[in-house]
């Protein structure tokens, strides 16, 4: 299996896991908390994480940029799931 295939499988699996948290108990799942807060809460987190990526890029190590990028990607995927956007929709646009 190629690295590309593994990466794609990981994205798809993460997306499905995120979607499966919709409707779960917000006291037991951070992802469910985000869904419970709605698009406003999710968008606010994306703004926060975007800023953290920028700050890390300007002042931190590449490892910190990786960490903050992972947080940003996760929150973007929560937004995708909230708005019924699939990774395929985004990849098609790219």
PDB file of N, CA and C in Angstrom:
ATOM      1  N   UNK A   1       0.844  -1.170   0.000  1.00  0.00           N
ATOM      2  CA  UNK A   1       0.000   0.000   0.000  1.00  0.00           C
ATOM      3  C   UNK A   1       0.898   1.246   0.000  1.00  0.00           C
ATOM      4  N   UNK A   2       0.576   2.228  -0.804  1.00  0.00           N
ATOM      5  CA  UNK A   2       1.395   3.426  -0.915  1.00  0.00           C
ATOM      6  C   UNK A   2       1.113   4.382   0.243  1.00  0.00           C
ATOM      7  N   UNK A   3       2.050   5.313   0.449  1.00  0.00           N
ATOM      8  CA  UNK A   3       1.844   6.333   1.475  1.00  0.00           C
ATOM      9  C   UNK A   3       0.604   7.162   1.169  1.00  0.00           C
ATOM     10  N   UNK A   4       0.379   7.417  -0.122  1.00  0.00           N
ATOM     11  CA  UNK A   4      -0.799   8.188  -0.529  1.00  0.00           C
ATOM     12  C   UNK A   4      -2.082   7.459  -0.150  1.00  0.00           C
ATOM     13  N   UNK A   5      -2.122   6.168  -0.380  1.00  0.00           N
ATOM     14  CA  UNK A   5      -3.296   5.375  -0.033  1.00  0.00           C
ATOM     15  C   UNK A   5      -3.508   5.353   1.475  1.00  0.00           C
ATOM     16  N   UNK A   6      -2.420   5.219   2.233  1.00  0.00           N
ATOM     17  CA  UNK A   6      -2.533   5.219   3.694  1.00  0.00           C
ATOM     18  C   UNK A   6      -3.012   6.567   4.207  1.00  0.00           C
ATOM     19  N   UNK A   7      -2.489   7.636   3.630  1.00  0.00           N
ATOM     20  CA  UNK A   7      -2.915   8.975   4.039  1.00  0.00           C
ATOM     21  C   UNK A   7      -4.397   9.175   3.763  1.00  0.00           C
ATOM     22  N   UNK A   8      -4.821   8.774   2.597  1.00  0.00           N
ATOM     23  CA  UNK A   8      -6.227   8.926   2.228  1.00  0.00           C
ATOM     24  C   UNK A   8      -7.114   8.082   3.131  1.00  0.00           C
ATOM     25  N   UNK A   9      -6.692   6.871   3.408  1.00  0.00           N
ATOM     26  CA  UNK A   9      -7.472   5.994   4.294  1.00  0.00           C
ATOM     27  C   UNK A   9      -7.582   6.627   5.684  1.00  0.00           C
ATOM     28  N   UNK A  10      -6.486   7.206   6.149  1.00  0.00           N
ATOM     29  CA  UNK A  10      -6.500   7.855   7.462  1.00  0.00           C
ATOM     30  C   UNK A  10      -7.494   9.012   7.487  1.00  0.00           C
ATOM     31  N   UNK A  11      -7.463   9.872   6.468  1.00  0.00           N
ATOM     32  CA  UNK A  11      -8.390  11.007   6.385  1.00  0.00           C
ATOM     33  C   UNK A  11      -9.832  10.500   6.391  1.00  0.00           C
ATOM     34  N   UNK A  12     -10.114   9.501   5.575  1.00  0.00           N
ATOM     35  CA  UNK A  12     -11.481   8.967   5.501  1.00  0.00           C
ATOM     36  C   UNK A  12     -11.926   8.366   6.837  1.00  0.00           C
ATOM     37  N   UNK A  13     -11.035   7.640   7.496  1.00  0.00           N
ATOM     38  CA  UNK A  13     -11.362   7.023   8.778  1.00  0.00           C
ATOM     39  C   UNK A  13     -11.603   8.088   9.843  1.00  0.00           C
ATOM     40  N   UNK A  14     -10.742   9.087   9.883  1.00  0.00           N
ATOM     41  CA  UNK A  14     -10.915  10.176  10.845  1.00  0.00           C
ATOM     42  C   UNK A  14     -12.241  10.893  10.596  1.00  0.00           C
ATOM     43  N   UNK A  15     -12.544  11.171   9.352  1.00  0.00           N
ATOM     44  CA  UNK A  15     -13.795  11.850   9.006  1.00  0.00           C
ATOM     45  C   UNK A  15     -15.000  11.029   9.467  1.00  0.00           C
ATOM     46  N   UNK A  16     -14.986   9.737   9.216  1.00  0.00           N
ATOM     47  CA  UNK A  16     -16.099   8.873   9.639  1.00  0.00           C
ATOM     48  C   UNK A  16     -16.212   8.828  11.160  1.00  0.00           C
ATOM     49  N   UNK A  17     -15.087   8.822  11.847  1.00  0.00           N
ATOM     50  CA  UNK A  17     -15.097   8.832  13.309  1.00  0.00           C
ATOM     51  C   UNK A  17     -15.704  10.136  13.819  1.00  0.00           C
ATOM     52  N   UNK A  18     -15.310  11.248  13.219  1.00  0.00           N
ATOM     53  CA  UNK A  18     -15.864  12.546  13.594  1.00  0.00           C
ATOM     54  C   UNK A  18     -17.375  12.545  13.378  1.00  0.00           C
ATOM     55  N   UNK A  19     -17.814  12.108  12.205  1.00  0.00           N
ATOM     56  CA  UNK A  19     -19.257  12.075  11.917  1.00  0.00           C
ATOM     57  C   UNK A  19     -20.009  11.212  12.927  1.00  0.00           C
ATOM     58  N   UNK A  20     -19.401  10.126  13.355  1.00  0.00           N
ATOM     59  CA  UNK A  20     -20.077   9.201  14.272  1.00  0.00           C
ATOM     60  C   UNK A  20     -20.285   9.808  15.659  1.00  0.00           C
ATOM     61  N   UNK A  21     -19.592  10.882  15.966  1.00  0.00           N
ATOM     62  CA  UNK A  21     -19.724  11.517  17.280  1.00  0.00           C
ATOM     63  C   UNK A  21     -20.920  12.466  17.348  1.00  0.00           C
ATOM     64  N   UNK A  22     -21.502  12.791  16.194  1.00  0.00           N
ATOM     65  CA  UNK A  22     -22.670  13.673  16.181  1.00  0.00           C
ATOM     66  C   UNK A  22     -23.781  13.001  16.968  1.00  0.00           C
ATOM     67  N   UNK A  23     -24.333  13.734  17.921  1.00  0.00           N
ATOM     68  CA  UNK A  23     -25.409  13.189  18.748  1.00  0.00           C
ATOM     69  C   UNK A  23     -24.922  12.467  19.991  1.00  0.00           C
ATOM     70  N   UNK A  24     -23.609  12.267  20.126  1.00  0.00           N
ATOM     71  CA  UNK A  24     -23.084  11.654  21.350  1.00  0.00           C
ATOM     72  C   UNK A  24     -23.208  12.636  22.512  1.00  0.00           C
ATOM     73  N   UNK A  25     -22.942  12.151  23.695  1.00  0.00           N
ATOM     74  CA  UNK A  25     -23.020  12.960  24.907  1.00  0.00           C
ATOM     75  C   UNK A  25     -21.892  13.992  24.913  1.00  0.00           C
ATOM     76  N   UNK A  26     -22.218  15.288  24.903  1.00  0.00           N
ATOM     77  CA  UNK A  26     -21.185  16.329  24.917  1.00  0.00           C
ATOM     78  C   UNK A  26     -20.308  16.305  26.171  1.00  0.00           C
ATOM     79  N   UNK A  27     -20.791  15.683  27.234  1.00  0.00           N
ATOM     80  CA  UNK A  27     -19.987  15.574  28.451  1.00  0.00           C
ATOM     81  C   UNK A  27     -18.911  14.507  28.332  1.00  0.00           C
ATOM     82  N   UNK A  28     -19.047  13.646  27.327  1.00  0.00           N
ATOM     83  CA  UNK A  28     -18.104  12.545  27.174  1.00  0.00           C
ATOM     84  C   UNK A  28     -17.271  12.630  25.906  1.00  0.00           C
ATOM     85  N   UNK A  29     -17.599  13.562  25.018  1.00  0.00           N
ATOM     86  CA  UNK A  29     -16.893  13.645  23.741  1.00  0.00           C
ATOM     87  C   UNK A  29     -16.683  15.105  23.360  1.00  0.00           C
ATOM     88  N   UNK A  30     -15.413  15.484  23.182  1.00  0.00           N
ATOM     89  CA  UNK A  30     -15.097  16.840  22.741  1.00  0.00           C
ATOM     90  C   UNK A  30     -15.734  17.125  21.384  1.00  0.00           C
ATOM     91  N   UNK A  31     -15.697  16.149  20.497  1.00  0.00           N
ATOM     92  CA  UNK A  31     -16.285  16.326  19.173  1.00  0.00           C
ATOM     93  C   UNK A  31     -17.790  16.555  19.296  1.00  0.00           C
ATOM     94  N   UNK A  32     -18.446  15.810  20.160  1.00  0.00           N
ATOM     95  CA  UNK A  32     -19.877  16.012  20.385  1.00  0.00           C
ATOM     96  C   UNK A  32     -20.144  17.405  20.949  1.00  0.00           C
ATOM     97  N   UNK A  33     -19.239  17.908  21.792  1.00  0.00           N
ATOM     98  CA  UNK A  33     -19.371  19.277  22.305  1.00  0.00           C
ATOM     99  C   UNK A  33     -19.355  20.286  21.164  1.00  0.00           C
ATOM    100  N   UNK A  34     -18.440  20.080  20.224  1.00  0.00           N
ATOM    101  CA  UNK A  34     -18.362  20.982  19.080  1.00  0.00           C
ATOM    102  C   UNK A  34     -19.653  20.941  18.267  1.00  0.00           C
ATOM    103  N   UNK A  35     -20.142  19.745  17.963  1.00  0.00           N
ATOM    104  CA  UNK A  35     -21.392  19.620  17.227  1.00  0.00           C
ATOM    105  C   UNK A  35     -22.538  20.279  17.995  1.00  0.00           C
ATOM    106  N   UNK A  36     -22.568  20.081  19.298  1.00  0.00           N
ATOM    107  CA  UNK A  36     -23.622  20.638  20.136  1.00  0.00           C
ATOM    108  C   UNK A  36     -23.603  22.170  20.093  1.00  0.00           C
ATOM    109  N   UNK A  37     -22.413  22.750  19.980  1.00  0.00           N
ATOM    110  CA  UNK A  37     -22.283  24.206  19.919  1.00  0.00           C
ATOM    111  C   UNK A  37     -22.657  24.790  18.569  1.00  0.00           C
ATOM    112  N   UNK A  38     -22.734  23.931  17.565  1.00  0.00           N
ATOM    113  CA  UNK A  38     -23.124  24.392  16.236  1.00  0.00           C
ATOM    114  C   UNK A  38     -21.985  25.023  15.454  1.00  0.00           C
ATOM    115  N   UNK A  39     -22.352  25.516  14.295  1.00  0.00           N
ATOM    116  CA  UNK A  39     -21.356  26.039  13.360  1.00  0.00           C
ATOM    117  C   UNK A  39     -20.587  27.234  13.950  1.00  0.00           C
ATOM    118  N   UNK A  40     -21.240  28.020  14.798  1.00  0.00           N
ATOM    119  CA  UNK A  40     -20.557  29.171  15.400  1.00  0.00           C
ATOM    120  C   UNK A  40     -19.392  28.719  16.273  1.00  0.00           C
ATOM    121  N   UNK A  41     -19.620  27.711  17.086  1.00  0.00           N
ATOM    122  CA  UNK A  41     -18.567  27.183  17.959  1.00  0.00           C
ATOM    123  C   UNK A  41     -17.442  26.564  17.133  1.00  0.00           C
ATOM    124  N   UNK A  42     -17.819  25.803  16.133  1.00  0.00           N
ATOM    125  CA  UNK A  42     -16.818  25.150  15.281  1.00  0.00           C
ATOM    126  C   UNK A  42     -15.997  26.195  14.532  1.00  0.00           C
ATOM    127  N   UNK A  43     -16.655  27.198  13.972  1.00  0.00           N
ATOM    128  CA  UNK A  43     -15.950  28.244  13.231  1.00  0.00           C
ATOM    129  C   UNK A  43     -15.010  29.025  14.148  1.00  0.00           C
ATOM    130  N   UNK A  44     -15.440  29.295  15.364  1.00  0.00           N
ATOM    131  CA  UNK A  44     -14.583  29.989  16.328  1.00  0.00           C
ATOM    132  C   UNK A  44     -13.318  29.182  16.601  1.00  0.00           C
ATOM    133  N   UNK A  45     -13.478  27.860  16.758  1.00  0.00           N
ATOM    134  CA  UNK A  45     -12.311  27.003  16.989  1.00  0.00           C
ATOM    135  C   UNK A  45     -11.381  26.993  15.782  1.00  0.00           C
ATOM    136  N   UNK A  46     -11.940  27.022  14.585  1.00  0.00           N
ATOM    137  CA  UNK A  46     -11.105  27.069  13.387  1.00  0.00           C
ATOM    138  C   UNK A  46     -10.301  28.364  13.363  1.00  0.00           C
ATOM    139  N   UNK A  47     -10.930  29.473  13.720  1.00  0.00           N
ATOM    140  CA  UNK A  47     -10.207  30.745  13.797  1.00  0.00           C
ATOM    141  C   UNK A  47      -9.080  30.692  14.806  1.00  0.00           C
ATOM    142  N   UNK A  48      -9.357  30.120  15.963  1.00  0.00           N
ATOM    143  CA  UNK A  48      -8.340  29.983  17.014  1.00  0.00           C
ATOM    144  C   UNK A  48      -7.175  29.113  16.538  1.00  0.00           C
ATOM    145  N   UNK A  49      -7.511  27.972  15.959  1.00  0.00           N
ATOM    146  CA  UNK A  49      -6.461  27.054  15.505  1.00  0.00           C
ATOM    147  C   UNK A  49      -5.662  27.642  14.336  1.00  0.00           C
ATOM    148  N   UNK A  50      -6.314  28.396  13.461  1.00  0.00           N
ATOM    149  CA  UNK A  50      -5.620  29.050  12.348  1.00  0.00           C
ATOM    150  C   UNK A  50      -4.580  30.028  12.879  1.00  0.00           C
ATOM    151  N   UNK A  51      -4.982  30.798  13.870  1.00  0.00           N
ATOM    152  CA  UNK A  51      -4.066  31.751  14.486  1.00  0.00           C
ATOM    153  C   UNK A  51      -2.886  31.031  15.126  1.00  0.00           C
ATOM    154  N   UNK A  52      -3.158  29.912  15.769  1.00  0.00           N
ATOM    155  CA  UNK A  52      -2.080  29.151  16.403  1.00  0.00           C
ATOM    156  C   UNK A  52      -1.102  28.595  15.369  1.00  0.00           C
ATOM    157  N   UNK A  53      -1.592  28.213  14.202  1.00  0.00           N
ATOM    158  CA  UNK A  53      -0.698  27.761  13.128  1.00  0.00           C
ATOM    159  C   UNK A  53       0.194  28.921  12.679  1.00  0.00           C
ATOM    160  N   UNK A  54      -0.397  30.078  12.512  1.00  0.00           N
ATOM    161  CA  UNK A  54       0.369  31.254  12.081  1.00  0.00           C
ATOM    162  C   UNK A  54       1.437  31.610  13.102  1.00  0.00           C
ATOM    163  N   UNK A  55       1.062  31.655  14.360  1.00  0.00           N
ATOM    164  CA  UNK A  55       2.025  31.977  15.419  1.00  0.00           C
ATOM    165  C   UNK A  55       3.142  30.937  15.458  1.00  0.00           C
ATOM    166  N   UNK A  56       2.768  29.675  15.354  1.00  0.00           N
ATOM    167  CA  UNK A  56       3.789  28.615  15.357  1.00  0.00           C
ATOM    168  C   UNK A  56       4.732  28.769  14.175  1.00  0.00           C
ATOM    169  N   UNK A  57       4.194  29.114  13.019  1.00  0.00           N
ATOM    170  CA  UNK A  57       5.030  29.276  11.827  1.00  0.00           C
ATOM    171  C   UNK A  57       6.016  30.435  11.989  1.00  0.00           C
ATOM    172  N   UNK A  58       5.585  31.472  12.671  1.00  0.00           N
ATOM    173  CA  UNK A  58       6.428  32.666  12.824  1.00  0.00           C
ATOM    174  C   UNK A  58       7.403  32.579  13.988  1.00  0.00           C
ATOM    175  N   UNK A  59       7.044  31.793  15.023  1.00  0.00           N
ATOM    176  CA  UNK A  59       7.842  31.853  16.254  1.00  0.00           C
ATOM    177  C   UNK A  59       8.280  30.522  16.825  1.00  0.00           C
ATOM    178  N   UNK A  60       7.785  29.428  16.270  1.00  0.00           N
ATOM    179  CA  UNK A  60       8.051  28.126  16.880  1.00  0.00           C
ATOM    180  C   UNK A  60       8.811  27.210  15.920  1.00  0.00           C
ATOM    181  N   UNK A  61       8.919  25.981  16.316  1.00  0.00           N
ATOM    182  CA  UNK A  61       9.624  24.975  15.527  1.00  0.00           C
ATOM    183  C   UNK A  61       8.687  24.348  14.501  1.00  0.00           C
ATOM    184  N   UNK A  62       9.245  23.700  13.484  1.00  0.00           N
ATOM    185  CA  UNK A  62       8.392  22.963  12.547  1.00  0.00           C
ATOM    186  C   UNK A  62       7.518  21.916  13.244  1.00  0.00           C
ATOM    187  N   UNK A  63       8.027  21.300  14.284  1.00  0.00           N
ATOM    188  CA  UNK A  63       7.230  20.313  15.017  1.00  0.00           C
ATOM    189  C   UNK A  63       5.980  20.951  15.620  1.00  0.00           C
ATOM    190  N   UNK A  64       6.112  22.171  16.085  1.00  0.00           N
ATOM    191  CA  UNK A  64       4.948  22.870  16.639  1.00  0.00           C
ATOM    192  C   UNK A  64       3.955  23.220  15.529  1.00  0.00           C
ATOM    193  N   UNK A  65       4.463  23.578  14.361  1.00  0.00           N
ATOM    194  CA  UNK A  65       3.584  23.840  13.220  1.00  0.00           C
ATOM    195  C   UNK A  65       2.804  22.569  12.866  1.00  0.00           C
ATOM    196  N   UNK A  66       3.480  21.433  12.900  1.00  0.00           N
ATOM    197  CA  UNK A  66       2.809  20.154  12.622  1.00  0.00           C
ATOM    198  C   UNK A  66       1.683  19.925  13.626  1.00  0.00           C
ATOM    199  N   UNK A  67       1.959  20.112  14.894  1.00  0.00           N
ATOM    200  CA  UNK A  67       0.965  19.896  15.939  1.00  0.00           C
ATOM    201  C   UNK A  67      -0.244  20.810  15.764  1.00  0.00           C
ATOM    202  N   UNK A  68       0.014  22.073  15.542  1.00  0.00           N
ATOM    203  CA  UNK A  68      -1.086  23.029  15.363  1.00  0.00           C
ATOM    204  C   UNK A  68      -1.841  22.767  14.059  1.00  0.00           C
ATOM    205  N   UNK A  69      -1.143  22.322  13.035  1.00  0.00           N
ATOM    206  CA  UNK A  69      -1.798  21.987  11.766  1.00  0.00           C
ATOM    207  C   UNK A  69      -2.749  20.810  11.942  1.00  0.00           C
ATOM    208  N   UNK A  70      -2.344  19.849  12.740  1.00  0.00           N
ATOM    209  CA  UNK A  70      -3.221  18.702  13.017  1.00  0.00           C
ATOM    210  C   UNK A  70      -4.495  19.171  13.712  1.00  0.00           C
ATOM    211  N   UNK A  71      -4.362  20.082  14.676  1.00  0.00           N
ATOM    212  CA  UNK A  71      -5.537  20.621  15.353  1.00  0.00           C
ATOM    213  C   UNK A  71      -6.448  21.348  14.366  1.00  0.00           C
ATOM    214  N   UNK A  72      -5.855  22.138  13.482  1.00  0.00           N
ATOM    215  CA  UNK A  72      -6.641  22.871  12.488  1.00  0.00           C
ATOM    216  C   UNK A  72      -7.366  21.915  11.541  1.00  0.00           C
ATOM    217  N   UNK A  73      -6.669  20.907  11.071  1.00  0.00           N
ATOM    218  CA  UNK A  73      -7.287  19.943  10.159  1.00  0.00           C
ATOM    219  C   UNK A  73      -8.452  19.222  10.836  1.00  0.00           C
ATOM    220  N   UNK A  74      -8.258  18.826  12.073  1.00  0.00           N
ATOM    221  CA  UNK A  74      -9.334  18.161  12.823  1.00  0.00           C
ATOM    222  C   UNK A  74     -10.576  19.059  12.889  1.00  0.00           C
ATOM    223  N   UNK A  75     -10.383  20.314  13.276  1.00  0.00           N
ATOM    224  CA  UNK A  75     -11.527  21.214  13.412  1.00  0.00           C
ATOM    225  C   UNK A  75     -12.173  21.513  12.058  1.00  0.00           C
ATOM    226  N   UNK A  76     -11.383  21.590  11.004  1.00  0.00           N
ATOM    227  CA  UNK A  76     -11.961  21.731   9.663  1.00  0.00           C
ATOM    228  C   UNK A  76     -12.836  20.531   9.320  1.00  0.00           C
ATOM    229  N   UNK A  77     -12.362  19.356   9.679  1.00  0.00           N
ATOM    230  CA  UNK A  77     -13.129  18.148   9.379  1.00  0.00           C
ATOM    231  C   UNK A  77     -14.428  18.096  10.181  1.00  0.00           C
ATOM    232  N   UNK A  78     -14.420  18.643  11.389  1.00  0.00           N
ATOM    233  CA  UNK A  78     -15.664  18.737  12.154  1.00  0.00           C
ATOM    234  C   UNK A  78     -16.637  19.664  11.418  1.00  0.00           C
ATOM    235  N   UNK A  79     -16.122  20.782  10.916  1.00  0.00           N
ATOM    236  CA  UNK A  79     -16.974  21.693  10.136  1.00  0.00           C
ATOM    237  C   UNK A  79     -17.518  21.009   8.892  1.00  0.00           C
ATOM    238  N   UNK A  80     -16.666  20.263   8.199  1.00  0.00           N
ATOM    239  CA  UNK A  80     -17.131  19.529   7.010  1.00  0.00           C
ATOM    240  C   UNK A  80     -18.297  18.617   7.380  1.00  0.00           C
ATOM    241  N   UNK A  81     -18.115  17.857   8.453  1.00  0.00           N
ATOM    242  CA  UNK A  81     -19.158  16.920   8.875  1.00  0.00           C
ATOM    243  C   UNK A  81     -20.429  17.675   9.268  1.00  0.00           C
ATOM    244  N   UNK A  82     -20.283  18.791   9.945  1.00  0.00           N
ATOM    245  CA  UNK A  82     -21.432  19.602  10.356  1.00  0.00           C
ATOM    246  C   UNK A  82     -22.227  20.079   9.144  1.00  0.00           C
ATOM    247  N   UNK A  83     -21.521  20.375   8.056  1.00  0.00           N
ATOM    248  CA  UNK A  83     -22.182  20.917   6.868  1.00  0.00           C
ATOM    249  C   UNK A  83     -22.331  19.883   5.748  1.00  0.00           C
ATOM    250  N   UNK A  84     -22.175  18.617   6.098  1.00  0.00           N
ATOM    251  CA  UNK A  84     -22.312  17.516   5.140  1.00  0.00           C
ATOM    252  C   UNK A  84     -21.400  17.680   3.921  1.00  0.00           C
ATOM    253  N   UNK A  85     -20.201  18.141   4.173  1.00  0.00           N
ATOM    254  CA  UNK A  85     -19.155  18.232   3.157  1.00  0.00           C
ATOM    255  C   UNK A  85     -18.239  17.037   3.375  1.00  0.00           C
ATOM    256  N   UNK A  86     -17.883  16.340   2.322  1.00  0.00           N
ATOM    257  CA  UNK A  86     -17.009  15.175   2.457  1.00  0.00           C
ATOM    258  C   UNK A  86     -15.577  15.548   2.069  1.00  0.00           C
ATOM    259  N   UNK A  87     -14.615  14.754   2.523  1.00  0.00           N
ATOM    260  CA  UNK A  87     -13.247  14.977   2.042  1.00  0.00           C
ATOM    261  C   UNK A  87     -13.167  14.963   0.524  1.00  0.00           C
ATOM    262  N   UNK A  88     -13.953  14.095  -0.117  1.00  0.00           N
ATOM    263  CA  UNK A  88     -13.958  14.053  -1.595  1.00  0.00           C
ATOM    264  C   UNK A  88     -14.365  15.390  -2.184  1.00  0.00           C
ATOM    265  N   UNK A  89     -15.342  16.066  -1.566  1.00  0.00           N
ATOM    266  CA  UNK A  89     -15.753  17.382  -2.060  1.00  0.00           C
ATOM    267  C   UNK A  89     -14.573  18.357  -2.049  1.00  0.00           C
ATOM    268  N   UNK A  90     -13.831  18.330  -0.968  1.00  0.00           N
ATOM    269  CA  UNK A  90     -12.677  19.237  -0.835  1.00  0.00           C
ATOM    270  C   UNK A  90     -11.565  18.840  -1.793  1.00  0.00           C
ATOM    271  N   UNK A  91     -11.271  17.541  -1.878  1.00  0.00           N
ATOM    272  CA  UNK A  91     -10.207  17.083  -2.772  1.00  0.00           C
ATOM    273  C   UNK A  91     -10.529  17.381  -4.228  1.00  0.00           C
ATOM    274  N   UNK A  92     -11.801  17.281  -4.583  1.00  0.00           N
ATOM    275  CA  UNK A  92     -12.215  17.612  -5.948  1.00  0.00           C
ATOM    276  C   UNK A  92     -11.918  19.076  -6.255  1.00  0.00           C
ATOM    277  N   UNK A  93     -12.195  19.943  -5.289  1.00  0.00           N
ATOM    278  CA  UNK A  93     -11.940  21.373  -5.460  1.00  0.00           C
ATOM    279  C   UNK A  93     -10.445  21.659  -5.596  1.00  0.00           C
ATOM    280  N   UNK A  94      -9.656  20.914  -4.828  1.00  0.00           N
ATOM    281  CA  UNK A  94      -8.191  21.104  -4.922  1.00  0.00           C
ATOM    282  C   UNK A  94      -7.684  20.710  -6.298  1.00  0.00           C
TER     283      UNK A  94
END
